Amino acid sequence: RALDAPLPGQGGLARRPAPTPPVERRPRQLPVTGVERWVRDPYAVYARYVLNLRPMDRPDQSAEALLRGQAIHKAVERLSLSWPDVLPDDCEGEIVGLLHEELTRHGFEDAAMARERPLARNAARWLAGFELRRRARGIEIRVEEEVSLTFDAAAGPFTLTAKADRIELSSTGAAILDFKTGAAPSAKQVKSGFAPQLTLTGAILADAGLSGSGPVEPEELTYVRVVGRKVAGEQAVRASGSEAADLSRAALAGLKARIARFDIETTPYLSLSLIHI
């Protein structure tokens, strides 16, 4: 208790920040990742989009882990762009080559590559099987495609944007895939609205659609984790079929309700809020 007591001459603990900027200064456009940040910590959106501040890197943050993730993302993207329809004969070997190239391009030198090469082989073996399974359904792959949806709100039109790692179009709908090297949000987080990145992307596809294809129903929301270790990769489907479409609609309705609340000037951007959409 003595440690919790204020120092002489000081008051008690400071209150959580809860700024209430003018409505006209509040963001009218956010990416789906920004909405996820808004759900998890409204103050972070205030700092980024109202004050135009950017967070500093954490002292314990691994730059190498970040670069490794970027390299794997780029290698998978290049595979889809180079072979959009039919995979190469030596798919595993091609993926290994892409991973090596991207890791080197992202600054991994000889000592680091000695550790990364076995991981790249494991990842490539898993990714080759993953690609074969996914493409057996006869799909059209869209990579890093930007989509958006604008709708009316109390303080004026609001635009929601997304840039999906991968969208797979089939005869029945669209699968939305997000590639990760770290942990993916749980099914509970996705379904509760705490992790709305995939569901809101699905809502954009259902309403505004993709360039050249028009509106398309989301039929699968999946995280793909690629690590190359003992468990080389993991496909984590968070929703499929009608549930994917229902969750997408619910996420958009939740976002519209959140915008309506924040279009009232007395609604604060609380710090570290746990309010869900």
Protein backbone atom coordinates (compact mmCIF):
# COMPACT_ATOMS: atom_id res chain seq x y z
CA ARG A 1 0.00 0.00 0.00
CA ALA A 2 2.86 2.38 0.77
CA LEU A 3 4.11 1.97 -2.79
CA ASP A 4 0.70 2.93 -4.16
CA ALA A 5 0.48 6.12 -2.10
CA PRO A 6 1.15 9.41 -3.94
CA LEU A 7 4.48 11.13 -3.39
CA PRO A 8 4.49 14.21 -1.14
CA GLY A 9 3.03 17.16 -2.97
CA GLN A 10 1.40 14.99 -5.63
CA GLY A 11 -2.19 13.95 -6.14
CA GLY A 12 -3.46 10.45 -6.80
CA LEU A 13 -3.01 8.36 -9.94
CA ALA A 14 -3.71 10.13 -13.22
CA ARG A 15 -6.96 9.30 -14.94
CA ARG A 16 -7.02 7.36 -18.16
CA PRO A 17 -6.79 9.67 -21.19
CA ALA A 18 -10.24 10.28 -22.66
CA PRO A 19 -9.92 13.06 -25.27
CA THR A 20 -13.01 14.36 -27.05
CA PRO A 21 -11.78 16.15 -30.19
CA PRO A 22 -14.24 18.06 -32.38
CA VAL A 23 -16.26 15.77 -34.62
CA GLU A 24 -14.85 17.43 -37.75
CA ARG A 25 -11.36 16.32 -36.72
CA ARG A 26 -12.30 12.70 -36.21
CA PRO A 27 -11.30 10.29 -38.99
CA ARG A 28 -13.75 9.74 -41.86
CA GLN A 29 -11.67 6.98 -43.43
CA LEU A 30 -9.98 3.98 -41.84
CA PRO A 31 -8.45 0.73 -43.05
CA VAL A 32 -9.80 -2.47 -41.54
CA THR A 33 -6.60 -2.74 -39.49
CA GLY A 34 -7.30 0.77 -38.16
CA VAL A 35 -10.80 -0.29 -37.12
CA GLU A 36 -9.29 -3.26 -35.29
CA ARG A 37 -7.02 -0.82 -33.46
CA TRP A 38 -10.08 1.34 -32.70
CA VAL A 39 -11.86 -1.63 -31.15
CA ARG A 40 -8.87 -2.61 -29.04
CA ASP A 41 -7.75 0.87 -27.98
CA PRO A 42 -9.68 3.97 -29.13
CA TYR A 43 -6.94 6.27 -27.86
CA ALA A 44 -4.51 4.70 -30.35
CA VAL A 45 -6.77 5.84 -33.20
CA TYR A 46 -6.96 9.33 -31.68
CA ALA A 47 -3.15 9.49 -31.49
CA ARG A 48 -2.63 8.18 -35.01
CA TYR A 49 -5.42 9.81 -37.00
CA VAL A 50 -6.21 12.97 -35.01
CA LEU A 51 -2.78 13.92 -33.63
CA ASN A 52 -0.90 12.28 -36.56
CA LEU A 53 1.48 10.52 -34.17
CA ARG A 54 3.16 7.22 -34.92
CA PRO A 55 4.19 4.74 -32.22
CA MET A 56 7.88 4.18 -31.55
CA ASP A 57 9.27 0.67 -31.84
CA ARG A 58 9.21 -1.21 -28.56
CA PRO A 59 12.70 -1.62 -27.03
CA ASP A 60 12.24 -5.41 -27.01
CA GLN A 61 10.79 -5.61 -30.52
CA SER A 62 12.73 -7.91 -32.82
CA ALA A 63 13.55 -6.16 -36.09
CA GLU A 64 14.63 -9.52 -37.50
CA ALA A 65 11.23 -11.08 -36.79
CA LEU A 66 9.51 -8.19 -38.54
CA LEU A 67 11.78 -8.47 -41.59
CA ARG A 68 11.33 -12.23 -41.70
CA GLY A 69 7.57 -11.78 -41.78
CA GLN A 70 7.84 -9.24 -44.59
CA ALA A 71 10.11 -11.57 -46.58
CA ILE A 72 7.72 -14.52 -46.27
CA HIS A 73 4.76 -12.32 -47.26
CA LYS A 74 6.60 -11.13 -50.35
CA ALA A 75 7.69 -14.64 -51.35
CA VAL A 76 4.11 -15.96 -51.14
CA GLU A 77 2.88 -12.94 -53.10
CA ARG A 78 5.47 -13.52 -55.84
CA LEU A 79 4.46 -17.18 -56.09
CA SER A 80 0.83 -16.22 -56.73
CA LEU A 81 1.75 -13.51 -59.23
CA SER A 82 4.25 -15.69 -61.13
CA TRP A 83 2.00 -18.76 -61.28
CA PRO A 84 -1.59 -17.51 -60.90
CA ASP A 85 -3.15 -20.60 -62.48
CA VAL A 86 -0.89 -23.65 -62.82
CA LEU A 87 1.84 -24.22 -60.26
CA PRO A 88 5.42 -24.94 -61.44
CA ASP A 89 6.58 -28.55 -61.66
CA ASP A 90 9.02 -28.10 -58.78
CA CYS A 91 6.76 -25.94 -56.65
CA GLU A 92 8.65 -26.62 -53.43
CA GLY A 93 11.98 -25.74 -55.04
CA GLU A 94 10.61 -22.52 -56.51
CA ILE A 95 9.25 -21.46 -53.12
CA VAL A 96 12.61 -22.18 -51.48
CA GLY A 97 14.28 -19.96 -54.08
CA LEU A 98 11.75 -17.16 -53.53
CA LEU A 99 12.19 -17.35 -49.76
CA HIS A 100 15.99 -17.21 -50.05
CA GLU A 101 15.80 -14.24 -52.42
CA GLU A 102 13.42 -12.29 -50.21
CA LEU A 103 15.26 -13.04 -46.99
CA THR A 104 18.49 -11.81 -48.58
CA ARG A 105 16.71 -8.75 -49.98
CA HIS A 106 15.40 -7.97 -46.51
CA GLY A 107 18.88 -7.89 -45.02
CA PHE A 108 19.57 -11.45 -43.84
CA GLU A 109 23.31 -12.10 -44.23
CA ASP A 110 25.26 -15.36 -44.28
CA ALA A 111 25.16 -16.06 -40.55
CA ALA A 112 21.42 -15.48 -40.34
CA MET A 113 20.77 -17.41 -43.55
CA ALA A 114 22.50 -20.47 -42.08
CA ARG A 115 19.65 -20.60 -39.59
CA GLU A 116 16.94 -19.55 -42.04
CA ARG A 117 17.64 -22.08 -44.82
CA PRO A 118 16.30 -25.14 -42.93
CA LEU A 119 13.25 -23.10 -41.87
CA ALA A 120 12.73 -22.02 -45.49
CA ARG A 121 12.81 -25.66 -46.66
CA ASN A 122 10.22 -26.65 -44.06
CA ALA A 123 8.03 -23.67 -44.91
CA ALA A 124 8.34 -24.34 -48.65
CA ARG A 125 7.32 -27.96 -48.25
CA TRP A 126 4.22 -26.94 -46.29
CA LEU A 127 3.36 -24.07 -48.63
CA ALA A 128 3.63 -26.31 -51.70
CA GLY A 129 1.06 -28.70 -50.23
CA PHE A 130 -1.10 -25.78 -49.14
CA GLU A 131 -1.11 -24.29 -52.64
CA LEU A 132 -2.00 -27.60 -54.25
CA ARG A 133 -4.94 -28.10 -51.91
CA ARG A 134 -6.25 -24.57 -52.33
CA ARG A 135 -6.01 -24.52 -56.12
CA ALA A 136 -7.62 -27.93 -56.57
CA ARG A 137 -10.98 -26.15 -56.11
CA GLY A 138 -10.48 -24.11 -59.30
CA ILE A 139 -10.06 -20.57 -58.01
CA GLU A 140 -9.01 -17.14 -59.24
CA ILE A 141 -6.39 -15.59 -56.98
CA ARG A 142 -6.22 -11.85 -56.25
CA VAL A 143 -3.15 -10.66 -54.34
CA GLU A 144 -2.79 -7.46 -52.29
CA GLU A 145 -5.86 -5.98 -53.95
CA GLU A 146 -7.21 -2.76 -52.47
CA VAL A 147 -10.96 -2.54 -51.92
CA SER A 148 -13.15 0.08 -50.27
CA LEU A 149 -16.69 0.84 -49.19
CA THR A 150 -18.19 4.29 -48.52
CA PHE A 151 -21.42 4.71 -46.61
CA ASP A 152 -23.36 7.54 -44.99
CA ALA A 153 -23.01 8.42 -41.30
CA ALA A 154 -24.26 11.21 -39.05
CA ALA A 155 -21.18 13.44 -39.46
CA GLY A 156 -20.71 12.67 -43.16
CA PRO A 157 -19.66 9.81 -45.43
CA PHE A 158 -17.24 7.25 -43.96
CA THR A 159 -14.89 5.15 -46.07
CA LEU A 160 -13.64 1.73 -45.03
CA THR A 161 -10.62 0.33 -46.90
CA ALA A 162 -8.81 -3.00 -46.99
CA LYS A 163 -5.80 -4.54 -48.67
CA ALA A 164 -6.17 -8.29 -48.40
CA ASP A 165 -3.10 -10.51 -48.55
CA ARG A 166 -5.07 -12.86 -50.78
CA ILE A 167 -8.61 -13.27 -52.05
CA GLU A 168 -9.65 -16.51 -53.74
CA LEU A 169 -12.67 -16.25 -56.00
CA SER A 170 -14.68 -19.38 -56.71
CA SER A 171 -17.99 -20.03 -58.42
CA THR A 172 -19.78 -19.66 -55.08
CA GLY A 173 -18.01 -16.75 -53.35
CA ALA A 174 -14.72 -15.47 -51.98
CA ALA A 175 -12.21 -16.78 -49.46
CA ILE A 176 -10.24 -14.07 -47.64
CA LEU A 177 -6.79 -15.10 -46.44
CA ASP A 178 -4.35 -13.25 -44.20
CA PHE A 179 -0.79 -14.60 -43.98
CA LYS A 180 1.05 -14.35 -40.67
CA THR A 181 4.30 -15.47 -39.10
CA GLY A 182 3.08 -14.67 -35.58
CA ALA A 183 0.02 -15.76 -33.67
CA ALA A 184 -3.35 -15.31 -35.36
CA PRO A 185 -6.48 -13.99 -33.62
CA SER A 186 -8.61 -16.75 -32.12
CA ALA A 187 -12.01 -17.76 -33.43
CA LYS A 188 -13.55 -16.22 -30.30
CA GLN A 189 -11.86 -12.86 -31.00
CA VAL A 190 -13.08 -12.89 -34.61
CA LYS A 191 -16.64 -13.87 -33.75
CA SER A 192 -16.92 -11.41 -30.86
CA GLY A 193 -15.82 -8.50 -33.08
CA PHE A 194 -12.51 -7.96 -31.25
CA ALA A 195 -10.55 -8.89 -34.39
CA PRO A 196 -12.66 -7.56 -37.31
CA GLN A 197 -10.00 -7.38 -40.03
CA LEU A 198 -11.26 -10.36 -42.05
CA THR A 199 -14.96 -9.85 -41.34
CA LEU A 200 -14.88 -6.21 -42.41
CA THR A 201 -12.97 -7.14 -45.56
CA GLY A 202 -15.76 -9.64 -46.21
CA ALA A 203 -18.33 -6.88 -45.72
CA ILE A 204 -16.59 -4.72 -48.33
CA LEU A 205 -16.62 -7.60 -50.83
CA ALA A 206 -20.29 -8.32 -50.18
CA ASP A 207 -21.31 -4.69 -50.70
CA ALA A 208 -18.82 -3.05 -53.07
CA GLY A 209 -17.01 -6.09 -54.46
CA LEU A 210 -13.74 -6.28 -56.37
CA SER A 211 -12.69 -4.48 -59.51
CA GLY A 212 -14.07 -6.34 -62.50
CA SER A 213 -16.17 -8.78 -60.50
CA GLY A 214 -18.75 -6.77 -58.55
CA PRO A 215 -20.13 -7.78 -55.14
CA VAL A 216 -19.18 -11.26 -54.01
CA GLU A 217 -20.30 -13.15 -50.91
CA PRO A 218 -17.54 -14.01 -48.38
CA GLU A 219 -17.52 -17.77 -47.87
CA GLU A 220 -14.30 -18.30 -45.89
CA LEU A 221 -12.24 -16.23 -43.45
CA THR A 222 -8.84 -17.79 -42.85
CA TYR A 223 -5.50 -16.98 -41.26
CA VAL A 224 -2.47 -18.77 -42.69
CA ARG A 225 0.50 -19.00 -40.34
CA VAL A 226 3.89 -19.81 -41.89
CA VAL A 227 6.84 -20.39 -39.55
CA GLY A 228 8.94 -23.27 -40.89
CA ARG A 229 9.63 -24.82 -37.50
CA LYS A 230 8.42 -28.18 -36.19
CA VAL A 231 4.90 -27.13 -37.13
CA ALA A 232 5.86 -25.55 -40.44
CA GLY A 233 2.50 -23.96 -41.17
CA GLU A 234 -1.10 -23.82 -40.10
CA GLN A 235 -4.35 -22.98 -41.85
CA ALA A 236 -6.76 -21.53 -39.29
CA VAL A 237 -10.27 -21.17 -40.72
CA ARG A 238 -12.21 -18.76 -38.51
CA ALA A 239 -15.52 -18.95 -40.38
CA SER A 240 -16.89 -20.61 -43.50
CA GLY A 241 -20.08 -20.82 -45.49
CA SER A 242 -23.04 -18.77 -44.29
CA GLU A 243 -21.28 -18.00 -40.99
CA ALA A 244 -18.59 -16.04 -42.84
CA ALA A 245 -21.24 -13.92 -44.53
CA ASP A 246 -23.23 -13.45 -41.31
CA LEU A 247 -20.15 -12.38 -39.34
CA SER A 248 -19.20 -9.95 -42.09
CA ARG A 249 -22.62 -8.32 -42.03
CA ALA A 250 -22.54 -8.14 -38.23
CA ALA A 251 -19.08 -6.54 -38.29
CA LEU A 252 -20.25 -3.82 -40.67
CA ALA A 253 -23.34 -3.15 -38.56
CA GLY A 254 -21.14 -2.93 -35.49
CA LEU A 255 -18.79 -0.50 -37.21
CA LYS A 256 -21.69 1.73 -38.23
CA ALA A 257 -22.94 1.74 -34.64
CA ARG A 258 -19.45 2.64 -33.39
CA ILE A 259 -19.18 5.48 -35.90
CA ALA A 260 -22.55 6.80 -34.77
CA ARG A 261 -21.34 6.88 -31.16
CA PHE A 262 -18.08 8.63 -32.05
CA ASP A 263 -19.91 11.15 -34.24
CA ILE A 264 -21.19 12.53 -30.91
CA GLU A 265 -18.55 14.94 -29.61
CA THR A 266 -18.94 13.84 -25.98
CA THR A 267 -17.86 10.27 -26.85
CA PRO A 268 -14.21 10.01 -25.71
CA TYR A 269 -11.33 8.09 -27.26
CA LEU A 270 -10.61 6.12 -24.09
CA SER A 271 -7.17 4.67 -23.55
CA LEU A 272 -6.91 0.86 -23.58
CA SER A 273 -10.65 0.39 -23.84
CA LEU A 274 -11.98 -3.15 -24.04
CA ILE A 275 -15.23 -2.10 -25.70
CA HIS A 276 -16.11 -4.39 -28.62
CA ILE A 277 -17.89 -3.39 -31.79
